[in-house]
């Protein structure tokens, strides 16, 4: 897209030229944003998930099957984390199994 807009910037029509320059610069800044700030936010969110912390309050949460003694509101809004090691077997999504098995191969390609 960036290349198409930058090529369009050399046209003779002033309105198309202005649009293409503006949009090309916007696409470039969006790309820089995506590979820096947004990727860093995703990495930090992954750390939060791995530590079983709530998305808003950052407090530790229990797995749904370990929060039976808590109230309904807690089970709905504040549970769902990973099962702690040794407590019980957590459900493993097929996509996770696939990428655990073949992720190293795909990353090397």
Protein backbone atom coordinates (compact mmCIF):
# COMPACT_ATOMS: atom_id res chain seq x y z
CA UNK A 1 0.00 0.00 0.00
CA UNK A 2 2.77 2.41 0.90
CA UNK A 3 4.44 1.92 -2.46
CA UNK A 4 1.16 2.44 -4.33
CA UNK A 5 0.47 5.70 -2.50
CA UNK A 6 4.01 6.97 -3.02
CA UNK A 7 3.78 6.19 -6.74
CA UNK A 8 0.44 8.02 -6.82
CA UNK A 9 2.18 11.05 -5.30
CA UNK A 10 3.94 11.77 -8.62
CA UNK A 11 0.67 12.24 -10.52
CA UNK A 12 -0.18 15.55 -12.17
CA UNK A 13 -3.54 15.93 -10.40
CA UNK A 14 -3.00 18.05 -7.26
CA UNK A 15 -5.90 16.54 -5.30
CA UNK A 16 -4.75 12.95 -5.96
CA UNK A 17 -1.16 13.94 -5.25
CA UNK A 18 -2.06 15.47 -1.88
CA UNK A 19 -4.19 12.46 -0.93
CA UNK A 20 -1.45 10.00 -1.87
CA UNK A 21 1.26 11.87 0.04
CA UNK A 22 -0.92 12.17 3.15
CA UNK A 23 -2.01 8.52 3.02
CA UNK A 24 1.49 7.22 2.28
CA UNK A 25 2.91 9.04 5.30
CA UNK A 26 0.00 7.76 7.44
CA UNK A 27 0.65 4.15 6.35
CA UNK A 28 4.37 4.56 7.12
CA UNK A 29 3.68 5.91 10.63
CA UNK A 30 1.12 3.15 11.24
CA UNK A 31 3.72 0.54 10.27
CA UNK A 32 6.26 2.04 12.67
CA UNK A 33 3.61 2.13 15.39
CA UNK A 34 2.68 -1.51 14.83
CA UNK A 35 6.25 -2.84 15.05
CA UNK A 36 7.22 -0.76 18.08
CA UNK A 37 4.54 0.33 20.53
CA UNK A 38 1.77 -2.16 19.72
CA UNK A 39 4.13 -5.15 19.68
CA UNK A 40 5.56 -4.07 23.04
CA UNK A 41 2.04 -3.81 24.49
CA UNK A 42 1.25 -7.32 23.27
CA UNK A 43 4.43 -8.66 24.87
CA UNK A 44 3.54 -7.04 28.20
CA UNK A 45 0.00 -8.42 27.95
CA UNK A 46 1.43 -11.88 27.34
CA UNK A 47 3.50 -11.59 30.52
CA UNK A 48 0.35 -10.57 32.40
CA UNK A 49 -1.53 -13.59 31.06
CA UNK A 50 1.30 -15.94 31.93
CA UNK A 51 1.28 -14.65 35.52
CA UNK A 52 -2.52 -15.21 35.79
CA UNK A 53 -3.30 -11.56 36.40
CA UNK A 54 -6.60 -9.78 35.72
CA UNK A 55 -6.69 -7.56 32.61
CA UNK A 56 -7.84 -4.41 34.43
CA UNK A 57 -6.84 -4.74 38.09
CA UNK A 58 -3.66 -6.84 37.56
CA UNK A 59 -4.56 -8.95 40.62
CA UNK A 60 -3.91 -12.70 40.63
CA UNK A 61 -6.92 -14.73 39.48
CA UNK A 62 -7.85 -18.35 40.05
CA UNK A 63 -8.84 -20.85 37.42
CA UNK A 64 -12.60 -21.33 37.03
CA UNK A 65 -12.51 -24.85 38.43
CA UNK A 66 -10.62 -23.61 41.53
CA UNK A 67 -13.00 -20.74 42.29
CA UNK A 68 -16.12 -22.72 43.23
CA UNK A 69 -16.09 -21.31 46.80
CA UNK A 70 -16.19 -17.72 45.51
CA UNK A 71 -19.33 -15.84 44.55
CA UNK A 72 -21.00 -15.76 41.15
CA UNK A 73 -19.65 -12.29 40.30
CA UNK A 74 -16.08 -13.42 41.03
CA UNK A 75 -16.49 -16.51 38.85
CA UNK A 76 -17.91 -14.44 36.00
CA UNK A 77 -15.53 -11.48 36.03
CA UNK A 78 -12.40 -12.40 38.00
CA UNK A 79 -11.61 -16.03 37.22
CA UNK A 80 -10.38 -17.97 34.25
CA UNK A 81 -6.63 -18.01 34.73
CA UNK A 82 -4.36 -20.96 34.11
CA UNK A 83 -4.51 -23.85 36.51
CA UNK A 84 -1.52 -23.84 38.85
CA UNK A 85 0.95 -26.68 38.39
CA UNK A 86 0.01 -29.76 40.38
CA UNK A 87 -3.62 -28.71 41.01
CA UNK A 88 -5.35 -30.27 38.00
CA UNK A 89 -4.90 -30.69 34.26
CA UNK A 90 -5.87 -27.60 32.29
CA UNK A 91 -7.54 -27.86 28.89
CA UNK A 92 -4.99 -27.44 26.13
CA UNK A 93 -6.34 -25.87 22.94
CA UNK A 94 -5.42 -27.73 19.72
CA UNK A 95 -3.86 -24.59 18.27
CA UNK A 96 -1.49 -24.39 21.22
CA UNK A 97 -0.48 -28.01 20.73
CA UNK A 98 0.14 -27.39 17.03
CA UNK A 99 2.32 -24.32 17.57
CA UNK A 100 4.16 -25.93 20.47
CA UNK A 101 5.02 -28.86 18.24
CA UNK A 102 5.66 -27.10 14.94
CA UNK A 103 6.38 -23.53 16.03
CA UNK A 104 10.13 -24.00 16.12
CA UNK A 105 10.08 -25.41 12.59
CA UNK A 106 7.92 -22.57 11.30
CA UNK A 107 10.10 -19.95 12.99
CA UNK A 108 13.22 -21.28 11.29
CA UNK A 109 11.62 -21.19 7.82
